[in-house]
Protein backbone atom coordinates (compact mmCIF):
# COMPACT_ATOMS: atom_id res chain seq x y z
CA MET A 1 9.02 13.95 -14.72
CA LEU A 2 8.45 11.68 -11.71
CA ILE A 3 8.95 7.93 -11.34
CA HIS A 4 6.64 5.40 -9.73
CA VAL A 5 8.08 1.95 -8.99
CA ASP A 6 5.64 -0.84 -8.16
CA MET A 7 6.90 -4.36 -7.47
CA ASP A 8 4.95 -7.13 -9.18
CA ALA A 9 3.24 -9.57 -6.76
CA PHE A 10 5.89 -8.61 -4.20
CA TYR A 11 5.42 -11.15 -1.40
CA ALA A 12 4.69 -14.01 -3.81
CA SER A 13 7.61 -13.08 -6.07
CA ILE A 14 10.02 -13.18 -3.14
CA GLU A 15 8.76 -16.65 -2.23
CA GLU A 16 9.27 -17.77 -5.85
CA ARG A 17 12.77 -16.34 -5.78
CA GLU A 18 13.55 -18.25 -2.60
CA ASN A 19 12.15 -21.48 -4.08
CA PRO A 20 12.34 -21.46 -7.90
CA ALA A 21 10.32 -24.70 -8.04
CA LEU A 22 7.25 -22.59 -7.19
CA ARG A 23 7.50 -20.44 -10.31
CA GLY A 24 4.55 -20.74 -12.65
CA ARG A 25 2.41 -22.53 -10.06
CA PRO A 26 -0.60 -20.82 -8.44
CA LEU A 27 0.72 -19.39 -5.17
CA VAL A 28 -0.67 -17.17 -2.44
CA VAL A 29 0.78 -15.76 0.77
CA GLY A 30 -1.52 -15.36 3.74
CA GLY A 31 -3.33 -17.02 6.63
CA ARG A 32 -4.53 -20.60 6.85
CA PRO A 33 -8.01 -21.30 5.42
CA GLU A 34 -9.11 -23.25 8.51
CA GLN A 35 -8.27 -20.20 10.67
CA ARG A 36 -10.32 -17.73 8.62
CA GLY A 37 -7.15 -16.41 7.06
CA VAL A 38 -7.07 -14.04 4.11
CA VAL A 39 -4.89 -13.71 1.02
CA SER A 40 -2.12 -11.15 1.53
CA ALA A 41 -0.66 -11.57 -1.96
CA ALA A 42 -1.25 -13.74 -5.02
CA ASN A 43 1.08 -14.43 -7.93
CA TYR A 44 -0.18 -14.03 -11.47
CA ALA A 45 -0.80 -17.75 -11.91
CA ALA A 46 -3.21 -17.60 -8.95
CA ARG A 47 -4.83 -14.41 -10.22
CA ALA A 48 -5.81 -16.27 -13.37
CA TYR A 49 -8.27 -18.19 -11.15
CA GLY A 50 -9.83 -14.96 -9.89
CA ILE A 51 -7.86 -14.98 -6.63
CA HIS A 52 -6.86 -11.60 -5.21
CA SER A 53 -5.60 -9.97 -2.02
CA ALA A 54 -7.99 -9.76 0.96
CA MET A 55 -10.01 -12.69 -0.38
CA PRO A 56 -10.88 -15.25 2.31
CA MET A 57 -8.33 -18.03 2.00
CA ALA A 58 -11.06 -20.68 2.18
CA ARG A 59 -12.59 -19.22 -0.98
CA ALA A 60 -9.21 -19.02 -2.72
CA VAL A 61 -8.60 -22.72 -2.04
CA ARG A 62 -12.03 -23.55 -3.49
CA LEU A 63 -11.24 -21.59 -6.66
CA CYS A 64 -7.97 -23.46 -7.18
CA ARG A 65 -7.59 -26.89 -5.61
CA ASP A 66 -3.86 -26.97 -6.47
CA LEU A 67 -3.23 -23.62 -4.77
CA ILE A 68 0.00 -23.36 -2.78
CA VAL A 69 -0.55 -21.45 0.47
CA LEU A 70 2.50 -20.02 2.24
CA PRO A 71 2.63 -18.07 5.51
CA VAL A 72 3.51 -14.38 5.53
CA ARG A 73 7.19 -13.77 6.28
CA MET A 74 7.03 -10.04 6.92
CA SER A 75 10.58 -9.67 8.21
CA MET A 76 11.97 -11.07 4.96
CA TYR A 77 9.72 -8.83 2.84
CA ALA A 78 10.69 -5.81 4.95
CA SER A 79 14.37 -6.67 4.48
CA VAL A 80 13.94 -6.78 0.70
CA SER A 81 12.02 -3.49 0.91
CA ARG A 82 14.99 -1.88 2.63
CA GLN A 83 17.22 -3.15 -0.19
CA LEU A 84 14.84 -1.56 -2.68
CA ARG A 85 15.04 1.77 -0.92
CA ASP A 86 18.82 1.56 -0.88
CA ILE A 87 18.71 1.20 -4.67
CA PHE A 88 16.35 4.18 -4.99
CA HIS A 89 18.60 6.36 -2.82
CA ARG A 90 21.55 5.76 -5.13
CA TYR A 91 19.77 8.02 -7.59
CA THR A 92 17.91 10.56 -5.45
CA PRO A 93 17.15 11.45 -1.82
CA LEU A 94 13.58 12.34 -2.86
CA VAL A 95 11.94 8.96 -2.30
CA GLU A 96 8.39 8.67 -0.97
CA PRO A 97 7.50 5.07 -0.02
CA LEU A 98 3.80 4.24 -0.25
CA SER A 99 4.23 0.74 1.19
CA LEU A 100 6.88 -1.96 1.29
CA ASP A 101 6.65 -2.54 -2.45
CA GLU A 102 6.06 0.82 -4.14
CA ALA A 103 7.43 4.34 -4.07
CA PHE A 104 7.53 7.66 -5.89
CA LEU A 105 10.90 9.14 -6.87
CA ASP A 106 11.83 12.63 -7.99
CA THR A 107 15.18 12.52 -9.81
CA ARG A 108 14.99 15.90 -11.57
CA ALA A 109 17.66 17.46 -9.37
CA SER A 110 20.16 14.70 -10.20
CA THR A 111 19.74 14.71 -13.99
CA ARG A 112 23.31 15.91 -14.63
CA LEU A 113 24.65 13.05 -12.52
CA HIS A 114 22.41 10.15 -13.56
CA GLY A 115 20.63 11.25 -16.73
CA PRO A 116 16.97 12.02 -17.48
CA PRO A 117 14.21 10.35 -15.42
CA ALA A 118 13.36 7.72 -18.05
CA GLN A 119 17.01 6.64 -18.18
CA VAL A 120 17.16 6.48 -14.38
CA ALA A 121 13.93 4.46 -14.29
CA ARG A 122 15.38 1.88 -16.68
CA ALA A 123 18.56 1.67 -14.61
CA ILE A 124 16.57 1.16 -11.40
CA ARG A 125 14.44 -1.55 -13.01
CA GLU A 126 17.51 -3.39 -14.30
CA THR A 127 19.29 -3.08 -10.94
CA ILE A 128 16.29 -4.54 -9.11
CA GLY A 129 16.34 -7.50 -11.49
CA ASN A 130 20.10 -8.05 -11.32
CA GLU A 131 20.62 -7.53 -7.59
CA LEU A 132 17.33 -8.72 -6.09
CA GLY A 133 16.08 -11.16 -8.70
CA LEU A 134 12.69 -9.46 -8.75
CA ILE A 135 10.52 -7.74 -11.34
CA ALA A 136 9.21 -4.19 -11.06
CA SER A 137 6.76 -2.27 -13.18
CA VAL A 138 7.80 1.36 -13.62
CA GLY A 139 5.99 4.47 -14.77
CA VAL A 140 7.53 7.82 -15.71
CA ALA A 141 5.27 10.83 -16.10
CA PRO A 142 4.89 14.55 -15.30
CA ASN A 143 3.18 13.96 -11.92
CA LYS A 144 2.23 11.38 -9.29
CA PHE A 145 -1.23 10.58 -10.66
CA LEU A 146 0.08 9.90 -14.14
CA ALA A 147 3.19 8.04 -12.97
CA LYS A 148 1.08 5.60 -10.95
CA LEU A 149 -1.24 5.05 -13.89
CA ALA A 150 1.81 4.47 -16.08
CA SER A 151 3.33 1.83 -13.79
CA ASP A 152 0.03 -0.03 -13.78
CA HIS A 153 -0.45 0.24 -17.54
CA ASP A 154 1.45 -2.82 -18.71
CA LYS A 155 1.83 -5.07 -15.67
CA PRO A 156 3.64 -7.30 -14.99
CA ASP A 157 7.17 -6.28 -15.96
CA GLY A 158 5.92 -3.04 -17.47
CA PHE A 159 7.75 0.14 -18.41
CA THR A 160 5.69 3.12 -19.55
CA VAL A 161 6.76 6.70 -20.15
CA ILE A 162 4.11 9.40 -20.58
CA GLU A 163 5.61 12.50 -22.14
CA PRO A 164 3.81 15.81 -21.46
CA HIS A 165 2.56 16.04 -25.05
CA ASP A 166 1.11 12.49 -24.83
CA VAL A 167 -0.90 12.97 -21.62
CA GLN A 168 -4.35 13.37 -23.18
CA ASP A 169 -3.80 10.62 -25.73
CA PHE A 170 -2.98 8.32 -22.82
CA LEU A 171 -5.83 9.43 -20.54
CA ASP A 172 -8.75 10.06 -22.89
CA PRO A 173 -9.66 6.44 -23.82
CA MET A 174 -9.54 5.21 -20.23
CA PRO A 175 -12.78 4.31 -18.42
CA VAL A 176 -13.73 7.04 -15.99
CA GLN A 177 -13.25 4.73 -12.98
CA ARG A 178 -9.49 4.95 -13.52
CA LEU A 179 -9.63 8.47 -12.06
CA TRP A 180 -8.86 8.56 -8.35
CA GLY A 181 -12.04 8.98 -6.36
CA VAL A 182 -14.46 7.23 -8.72
CA GLY A 183 -16.25 4.43 -6.89
CA ALA A 184 -19.53 2.67 -7.54
CA ALA A 185 -21.78 5.54 -6.44
CA THR A 186 -19.76 8.19 -8.27
CA LEU A 187 -19.65 6.02 -11.38
CA THR A 188 -23.45 5.74 -11.37
CA ARG A 189 -23.83 9.51 -11.18
CA LEU A 190 -21.28 10.09 -13.94
CA ASN A 191 -22.92 7.51 -16.21
CA ALA A 192 -26.25 9.25 -15.64
CA MET A 193 -24.57 12.37 -17.05
CA ASP A 194 -23.46 10.28 -20.07
CA ILE A 195 -19.87 10.36 -18.84
CA HIS A 196 -18.08 7.05 -19.40
CA THR A 197 -14.47 7.87 -20.28
CA VAL A 198 -11.83 10.29 -19.08
CA ARG A 199 -12.33 12.21 -22.32
CA ASP A 200 -16.00 12.67 -21.42
CA VAL A 201 -14.96 14.25 -18.13
CA ARG A 202 -12.40 16.49 -19.83
CA LEU A 203 -14.96 17.78 -22.34
CA SER A 204 -17.75 18.19 -19.81
CA ASP A 205 -18.81 21.48 -18.24
CA ALA A 206 -16.67 22.05 -15.13
CA SER A 207 -19.35 24.06 -13.32
CA ARG A 208 -21.96 21.34 -13.91
CA LEU A 209 -19.57 18.69 -12.63
CA GLN A 210 -19.01 20.70 -9.48
CA GLN A 211 -22.74 21.31 -9.09
CA VAL A 212 -23.52 17.60 -9.27
CA MET A 213 -20.42 16.21 -7.53
CA GLY A 214 -19.44 19.01 -5.17
CA SER A 215 -15.71 19.53 -4.62
CA GLY A 216 -15.13 16.08 -6.08
CA GLY A 217 -16.26 17.38 -9.45
CA SER A 218 -13.42 19.88 -9.75
CA HIS A 219 -11.01 17.18 -8.53
CA LEU A 220 -12.08 14.83 -11.34
CA TYR A 221 -11.93 17.64 -13.88
CA ARG A 222 -8.32 18.38 -12.95
CA LEU A 223 -7.31 14.73 -13.10
CA ALA A 224 -8.99 14.32 -16.49
CA HIS A 225 -6.66 17.09 -17.71
CA GLY A 226 -3.68 15.27 -16.18
CA GLU A 227 -3.18 17.82 -13.40
CA ASP A 228 -1.71 16.82 -10.02
CA ASP A 229 0.58 19.20 -8.15
CA ARG A 230 1.51 17.02 -5.15
CA PRO A 231 5.28 16.88 -4.57
CA VAL A 232 7.30 13.78 -3.78
CA ARG A 233 7.71 13.92 -0.01
CA PRO A 234 10.48 11.81 1.58
CA GLU A 235 9.29 9.74 4.52
CA HIS A 236 11.52 11.55 7.03
CA GLU A 237 9.79 14.79 6.04
CA SER A 238 6.29 13.34 6.18
CA LYS A 239 3.92 14.32 8.91
CA SER A 240 2.59 10.78 9.12
CA ILE A 241 3.46 7.20 8.18
CA SER A 242 0.54 5.22 6.88
CA HIS A 243 -0.39 2.13 4.90
CA GLU A 244 -3.66 1.39 3.18
CA THR A 245 -5.08 -1.19 0.80
CA THR A 246 -7.88 -1.06 -1.74
CA PHE A 247 -9.73 -4.35 -1.99
CA ALA A 248 -10.32 -5.98 -5.36
CA GLU A 249 -13.82 -6.78 -4.08
CA ASP A 250 -15.66 -4.96 -1.30
CA VAL A 251 -15.25 -6.68 2.07
CA ASP A 252 -18.11 -6.96 4.57
CA ASP A 253 -16.60 -9.43 7.03
CA ARG A 254 -15.38 -7.92 10.31
CA GLU A 255 -12.84 -10.68 10.98
CA ILE A 256 -11.28 -10.27 7.53
CA LEU A 257 -11.04 -6.52 8.06
CA GLU A 258 -9.35 -7.06 11.42
CA SER A 259 -6.88 -9.49 9.87
CA VAL A 260 -5.98 -7.05 7.09
CA LEU A 261 -5.76 -4.17 9.57
CA MET A 262 -3.35 -6.20 11.70
CA GLY A 263 -1.05 -6.61 8.69
CA LEU A 264 -1.25 -2.92 7.86
CA THR A 265 -0.46 -2.03 11.47
CA GLU A 266 2.59 -4.30 11.51
CA SER A 267 3.85 -2.66 8.33
CA VAL A 268 3.41 0.87 9.69
CA CYS A 269 5.09 -0.01 13.00
CA GLN A 270 7.99 -1.65 11.17
CA ARG A 271 8.50 1.56 9.18
CA LEU A 272 8.31 3.66 12.35
CA ARG A 273 11.03 1.61 14.00
CA GLU A 274 13.20 1.67 10.87
CA ALA A 275 12.92 5.47 10.76
CA GLY A 276 13.60 5.82 14.49
CA LEU A 277 10.25 7.50 15.05
CA GLU A 278 7.44 7.30 17.56
CA GLY A 279 3.97 8.73 17.04
CA ARG A 280 1.16 9.79 19.29
CA THR A 281 -1.92 9.93 17.04
CA ILE A 282 -3.38 6.85 15.33
CA THR A 283 -5.79 7.37 12.44
CA LEU A 284 -8.07 4.80 10.84
CA LYS A 285 -9.27 5.34 7.27
CA LEU A 286 -12.33 3.62 5.80
CA ARG A 287 -13.87 3.95 2.35
CA ASP A 288 -17.19 2.27 1.68
CA ALA A 289 -18.72 0.84 -1.49
CA ALA A 290 -20.28 4.24 -2.28
CA PHE A 291 -16.76 5.73 -2.11
CA ARG A 292 -17.51 7.73 1.03
CA THR A 293 -14.29 8.13 3.00
CA THR A 294 -14.27 8.53 6.76
CA THR A 295 -11.40 8.83 9.19
CA ALA A 296 -11.19 8.48 12.94
CA SER A 297 -8.25 9.39 15.15
CA ARG A 298 -7.19 8.85 18.72
CA SER A 299 -4.22 10.35 20.53
CA LEU A 300 -2.22 8.50 23.14
CA PRO A 301 -0.83 10.09 26.31
CA ALA A 302 2.70 9.24 25.11
CA ARG A 303 4.34 8.55 21.76
CA THR A 304 5.02 4.95 20.75
CA CYS A 305 6.09 2.65 17.94
CA ALA A 306 4.96 -0.52 19.76
CA THR A 307 2.86 -2.75 17.51
CA GLY A 308 0.66 -3.98 20.36
CA THR A 309 -0.21 -0.49 21.58
CA ILE A 310 -1.01 0.86 18.13
CA TRP A 311 -2.96 -2.27 17.20
CA ARG A 312 -5.24 -2.00 20.23
CA VAL A 313 -6.13 1.56 19.25
CA ALA A 314 -6.57 0.62 15.59
CA ARG A 315 -8.87 -2.27 16.48
CA THR A 316 -10.92 -0.07 18.80
CA LEU A 317 -11.33 2.57 16.08
CA LEU A 318 -12.47 -0.11 13.64
CA ALA A 319 -15.00 -1.43 16.16
CA GLU A 320 -16.36 2.08 16.67
CA ARG A 321 -16.53 3.06 13.01
CA TYR A 322 -17.41 -0.14 11.16
CA ARG A 323 -21.10 -0.97 10.81
CA THR A 324 -21.71 -4.73 10.75
CA GLY A 325 -22.46 -5.95 7.25
CA SER A 326 -21.41 -2.75 5.48
CA ALA A 327 -19.04 -3.13 2.53
CA VAL A 328 -15.55 -1.67 2.76
CA ARG A 329 -13.58 -0.73 -0.34
CA LEU A 330 -10.44 0.68 1.28
CA LEU A 331 -8.86 0.26 4.70
CA GLY A 332 -5.89 2.14 6.06
CA ILE A 333 -4.02 3.02 9.24
CA GLY A 334 -1.62 5.87 9.93
CA VAL A 335 0.49 7.25 12.77
CA SER A 336 1.39 10.92 13.18
CA ARG A 337 2.66 13.51 15.68
CA PHE A 338 6.21 12.21 15.59
CA ASP A 339 9.21 12.51 17.80
CA ALA A 340 12.62 11.06 17.03
CA VAL A 341 13.77 8.27 19.35
CA TYR A 342 16.72 5.96 19.82
CA LEU A 343 15.69 2.36 19.40
CA GLU A 344 18.97 0.55 19.96
CA GLN A 345 18.05 -0.44 23.50
CA VAL A 346 15.03 -0.46 25.77
CA ASP A 347 14.76 2.56 28.07
CA LEU A 348 15.20 1.32 31.64
CA PHE A 349 13.03 4.14 32.92
CA GLN A 350 9.99 3.20 30.83
CA ALA A 351 6.93 1.78 32.52
CA PRO A 352 7.08 -2.05 32.80
CA ALA A 353 4.28 -2.52 30.27
CA THR A 354 6.08 -0.27 27.78
CA GLN A 355 9.34 -2.13 28.33
CA LYS A 356 7.55 -5.41 27.73
CA GLU A 357 6.04 -4.28 24.43
CA ALA A 358 9.41 -2.94 23.23
CA ARG A 359 11.06 -6.25 24.09
CA VAL A 360 8.31 -8.21 22.34
CA ASP A 361 8.79 -6.16 19.16
CA GLU A 362 12.57 -6.50 19.35
CA LEU A 363 12.51 -10.27 19.95
CA THR A 364 9.79 -10.86 17.37
CA ASP A 365 11.77 -8.96 14.73
CA ARG A 366 14.90 -10.97 15.54
CA ILE A 367 13.13 -14.33 15.42
CA ARG A 368 11.39 -13.50 12.14
CA SER A 369 14.63 -12.25 10.62
CA ARG A 370 16.27 -15.60 11.32
CA PHE A 371 13.45 -18.10 10.87
CA GLY A 372 10.73 -16.26 8.94
CA ARG A 373 7.40 -14.94 10.12
CA GLY A 374 5.91 -18.41 10.36
CA ALA A 375 8.16 -19.08 13.35
CA ILE A 376 6.20 -16.68 15.55
CA GLY A 377 2.90 -14.92 15.03
CA ARG A 378 0.94 -12.10 16.55
CA GLY A 379 -2.73 -12.88 17.04
CA THR A 380 -5.19 -11.03 14.87
CA ARG A 381 -7.15 -10.17 17.98
CA LEU A 382 -4.89 -8.89 20.73
CA ARG A 383 -6.91 -8.88 23.94
CA PRO A 384 -7.33 -5.48 25.53
CA ASP A 385 -5.54 -4.89 28.82
CA ARG A 386 -7.49 -6.16 31.81
């Protein structure tokens, strides 16, 4: 049994913790509406108005005139994320972070020390509440796919355990779009085959599914039977560090995509520096409204963890791959081809431009740690070198 921990409205919940007077009031974290900012996170009071992440802030303000808009304070959120990981590592070294606010855990090897996975999951959830003053939704299930579904089942403040003998009872009634890989175009094709629920997929003919859907058909068939053999892979063993987001509504605005990509890039670079890693290959991931996924990669002449360097490549890849006006469902950025580095001080033998970027990252992190991200900001559009 694996565990998936997913923090509820992470950024917004931290802001509510820091200022309890905000609790229960519609609150979002993100950019200013007059600067074409977007929503990075929304608490549940704001979601009741239809507000969600990646929504243009100007629209969010129109939906709720009493909306409280706060700037992103990434250094504070990253600090809390590190505290979360410290809690996870008390129970197992097998922790695979997906982003700042969610992770998979495999505690099966430490059962004799800490108890069965469900007991560990409850302990982790209680510790997060007691020590961090935050709420997490937790899922426990036989594999990653099911554990993530379980954590999402009863949000917020949810706790769901799917025992092996309950897998089909849990999956069968779900709409087919809850299976990973089912977007608008795939849903249309499945509905045309009179497939509407996970049970319909499970009882369908596997060969016909594969004939109509290609390799995706066998993928859906396996998921409908609750099968997923991916292991929990600790970040230090991963071949890449990445961060992606799936939009609640498809996005067709280039400036919004750039703004979201900037945030994703900052998160990935923060994790690189925390892990003492530098990477050489940057990969952009795009998924369109028809659920077609494309990736584009570019390798640098030298490895780096500098936000500015990686952002320039990420933005170039987006410009090359994004067609104006096309709708994007998912956006992600990743860095791979690692080498371990020491980040305690700037290398005096680096090129001046590299030294400058390292110093900017170091000083920016220090300022944000003390005063919050609002004290200093990185432009969404970093100008290319001239």
